[in-house]
Amino acid sequence: MALNKRQALFVEKYLKLNNATKAAIEAGYSPKTAKQIGSRLLTNVDIASRVEKRTEKIMQSAKMEADEVLERMAAIARGNIGQFIDVNGDIRILGMNAPLHLIKRIKTKRSEKFGDEIEVEMYDAQSALVTIGKHWRLWDRANESDWREELRKAGISEGDLFETAVQRYAAQIETKTE
C-alpha cells in the first residue's frame, strides 16, 4: 500500500532523527500525541517496510569495502605534515592534490605577537599502523613462531605436545566418569 504524504515524511524524518516522537512532530502530527503516533506508525507494516528498505539503501551507499578501508589506513600511516607545507614553510591546506582525508582538525589561533597561527592536526599514524597490523594478524604470527621456537629449544616436537595434551584430556575424562 502506498504511504500518504505525512507517512512518507515521517519515514524520512525518522531516518534522519532516529526518534519516532520527533519525527512525528516534524511530519506534522500533533505534539500532544506524537509519542503514541510515532510508536504506532513504526508498527505499520508499510511504514516499517519502507524504513527497512531506505535503511538498507543508506547502508549500501555508506558501505566501504575492506580494500578501501585499508587504503585509507595506509594513507594515514604514510601521511606527513610535509604534504601541506610549501617551499616557504607556510601551511597550504587547499589545492588540487591536497590529501585532506589525512587531516583530523584545523584550528586558527589569533596572536598579537605572531598574527594568525594555523594548527593542523593529522590522524594518528601509529593507530593506523596498529589497525593494519591487527588486520594482517602480524602479532599473532610473531607469537605463533615464538612458542614453536621455544618448543624446539626444549627438545619437544609439536607432535609430542599434541600427544601429551590428548593423554591429559583422556585422563580428565576418565576421572570425571569414575
Protein backbone atom coordinates (compact mmCIF):
# COMPACT_ATOMS: atom_id res chain seq x y z
CA MET A 1 0.00 0.00 0.00
CA ALA A 2 1.26 3.49 -0.80
CA LEU A 3 2.01 5.86 2.03
CA ASN A 4 0.30 9.22 2.29
CA LYS A 5 2.43 12.40 2.31
CA ARG A 6 2.66 12.67 6.11
CA GLN A 7 3.58 9.00 6.48
CA ALA A 8 6.28 9.31 3.82
CA LEU A 9 7.58 12.46 5.52
CA PHE A 10 7.55 10.60 8.86
CA VAL A 11 9.75 7.88 7.33
CA GLU A 12 12.28 10.44 6.06
CA LYS A 13 12.33 12.34 9.36
CA TYR A 14 12.62 9.10 11.35
CA LEU A 15 15.62 8.00 9.27
CA LYS A 16 17.25 11.39 9.89
CA LEU A 17 16.42 11.75 13.61
CA ASN A 18 16.13 8.11 14.73
CA ASN A 19 13.40 9.26 17.10
CA ALA A 20 9.75 8.40 16.37
CA THR A 21 8.29 11.18 18.54
CA LYS A 22 10.39 13.95 16.97
CA ALA A 23 9.82 12.51 13.50
CA ALA A 24 6.06 12.52 14.05
CA ILE A 25 6.12 16.16 15.14
CA GLU A 26 8.27 17.20 12.17
CA ALA A 27 5.96 15.26 9.85
CA GLY A 28 3.04 17.40 11.05
CA TYR A 29 1.41 15.23 13.71
CA SER A 30 0.23 16.79 16.98
CA PRO A 31 2.99 17.23 19.58
CA LYS A 32 0.50 16.14 22.27
CA THR A 33 0.05 12.69 20.73
CA ALA A 34 3.35 12.42 18.83
CA LYS A 35 4.78 9.75 21.13
CA GLN A 36 1.83 7.40 20.61
CA ILE A 37 1.51 8.18 16.91
CA GLY A 38 5.24 7.70 16.30
CA SER A 39 5.15 4.33 18.03
CA ARG A 40 2.02 3.27 16.12
CA LEU A 41 3.47 4.42 12.78
CA LEU A 42 6.57 2.26 13.30
CA THR A 43 4.35 -0.81 13.77
CA ASN A 44 2.53 -0.12 10.50
CA VAL A 45 3.71 -2.85 8.08
CA ASP A 46 4.03 -0.50 5.10
CA ILE A 47 5.95 2.13 7.07
CA ALA A 48 8.21 -0.46 8.72
CA SER A 49 8.93 -1.94 5.28
CA ARG A 50 9.76 1.50 3.83
CA VAL A 51 12.04 2.28 6.81
CA GLU A 52 13.82 -1.05 6.34
CA LYS A 53 14.28 -0.55 2.58
CA ARG A 54 15.51 3.03 2.98
CA THR A 55 17.86 1.98 5.79
CA GLU A 56 19.29 -0.78 3.62
CA LYS A 57 19.78 1.68 0.74
CA ILE A 58 21.52 4.17 3.05
CA MET A 59 23.76 1.44 4.47
CA GLN A 60 24.72 0.24 0.99
CA SER A 61 25.69 3.74 -0.11
CA ALA A 62 27.78 4.23 3.05
CA LYS A 63 29.41 0.81 2.88
CA MET A 64 33.16 0.71 2.37
CA GLU A 65 34.89 -2.35 1.03
CA ALA A 66 37.79 -3.75 3.05
CA ASP A 67 40.31 -2.69 0.40
CA GLU A 68 39.14 0.92 0.59
CA VAL A 69 39.40 0.93 4.38
CA LEU A 70 42.93 -0.49 4.24
CA GLU A 71 43.96 2.02 1.56
CA ARG A 72 42.75 4.89 3.77
CA MET A 73 44.53 3.49 6.81
CA ALA A 74 47.72 3.06 4.78
CA ALA A 75 47.47 6.67 3.57
CA ILE A 76 47.10 7.85 7.17
CA ALA A 77 50.04 5.70 8.27
CA ARG A 78 52.21 7.11 5.46
CA GLY A 79 50.96 10.70 5.67
CA ASN A 80 53.12 13.51 6.96
CA ILE A 81 52.72 17.21 7.56
CA GLY A 82 55.25 17.91 4.81
CA GLN A 83 52.47 17.28 2.30
CA PHE A 84 50.87 20.53 3.47
CA ILE A 85 53.93 22.80 3.68
CA ASP A 86 55.08 24.88 0.73
CA VAL A 87 58.67 25.88 -0.13
CA ASN A 88 58.42 28.94 2.14
CA GLY A 89 57.42 26.83 5.14
CA ASP A 90 53.83 28.04 5.08
CA ILE A 91 50.94 25.63 5.57
CA ARG A 92 48.87 25.19 2.43
CA ILE A 93 45.71 23.17 3.01
CA LEU A 94 43.87 23.92 -0.20
CA GLY A 95 44.95 22.63 -3.54
CA MET A 96 44.04 20.21 -6.26
CA ASN A 97 46.10 17.36 -4.86
CA ALA A 98 45.87 18.05 -1.13
CA PRO A 99 45.18 14.80 0.76
CA LEU A 100 42.55 16.35 3.03
CA HIS A 101 41.44 12.95 4.35
CA LEU A 102 44.67 12.90 6.39
CA ILE A 103 43.64 15.97 8.42
CA LYS A 104 41.71 15.49 11.63
CA ARG A 105 41.41 19.13 12.71
CA ILE A 106 42.43 22.62 11.63
CA LYS A 107 42.47 25.38 14.20
CA THR A 108 43.31 29.07 13.78
CA LYS A 109 44.77 30.95 16.74
CA ARG A 110 44.96 34.72 16.84
CA SER A 111 48.12 36.11 18.34
CA GLU A 112 49.05 39.78 18.67
CA LYS A 113 52.72 38.90 18.54
CA PHE A 114 52.69 36.44 15.64
CA GLY A 115 49.41 37.13 13.82
CA ASP A 116 47.17 34.26 12.80
CA GLU A 117 48.61 30.83 13.51
CA ILE A 118 47.20 27.72 11.90
CA GLU A 119 47.39 24.43 13.75
CA VAL A 120 46.92 21.29 11.70
CA GLU A 121 46.29 18.00 13.49
CA MET A 122 46.59 14.89 11.38
CA TYR A 123 45.09 11.49 12.14
CA ASP A 124 47.32 9.29 14.26
CA ALA A 125 49.71 7.31 12.05
CA GLN A 126 50.62 4.89 14.82
CA SER A 127 46.97 3.98 15.41
CA ALA A 128 46.59 3.36 11.69
CA LEU A 129 49.66 1.10 11.72
CA VAL A 130 48.34 -0.86 14.70
CA THR A 131 44.97 -1.30 13.00
CA ILE A 132 46.63 -2.53 9.80
CA GLY A 133 48.88 -4.84 11.81
CA LYS A 134 45.87 -6.32 13.59
CA HIS A 135 44.09 -6.81 10.28
CA TRP A 136 47.05 -8.72 8.86
CA ARG A 137 47.50 -10.54 12.22
CA LEU A 138 51.16 -9.56 12.32
CA TRP A 139 51.45 -10.03 16.07
CA ASP A 140 49.59 -13.37 16.05
CA ARG A 141 52.16 -14.75 13.64
CA ALA A 142 55.02 -13.49 15.78
CA ASN A 143 53.57 -15.20 18.87
CA GLU A 144 52.96 -18.38 16.90
CA SER A 145 56.59 -18.61 15.82
CA ASP A 146 57.76 -17.77 19.37
CA TRP A 147 56.09 -20.77 21.04
CA ARG A 148 57.26 -23.11 18.28
CA GLU A 149 60.81 -21.86 18.74
CA GLU A 150 60.56 -22.40 22.50
CA LEU A 151 59.39 -26.00 21.92
CA ARG A 152 62.31 -26.62 19.58
CA LYS A 153 64.78 -25.24 22.11
CA ALA A 154 63.29 -27.50 24.79
CA GLY A 155 63.61 -30.53 22.51
CA ILE A 156 59.85 -31.10 22.27
CA SER A 157 58.18 -31.70 18.94
CA GLU A 158 54.69 -30.38 18.18
CA GLY A 159 53.55 -34.00 17.80
CA ASP A 160 54.78 -34.82 21.31
CA LEU A 161 52.98 -31.78 22.66
CA PHE A 162 49.75 -32.78 20.92
CA GLU A 163 50.03 -36.39 22.16
CA THR A 164 50.61 -35.19 25.74
CA ALA A 165 47.58 -32.89 25.53
CA VAL A 166 45.39 -35.74 24.25
CA GLN A 167 46.60 -38.04 27.06
CA ARG A 168 45.84 -35.38 29.71
CA TYR A 169 42.39 -34.76 28.25
CA ALA A 170 41.63 -38.51 28.22
CA ALA A 171 42.76 -38.76 31.84
CA GLN A 172 40.44 -35.89 32.82
CA ILE A 173 37.50 -37.60 31.12
CA GLU A 174 38.27 -40.89 32.90
CA THR A 175 38.43 -39.11 36.27
CA LYS A 176 35.05 -37.43 35.68
CA THR A 177 33.30 -40.65 34.62
CA GLU A 178 34.52 -42.69 37.62
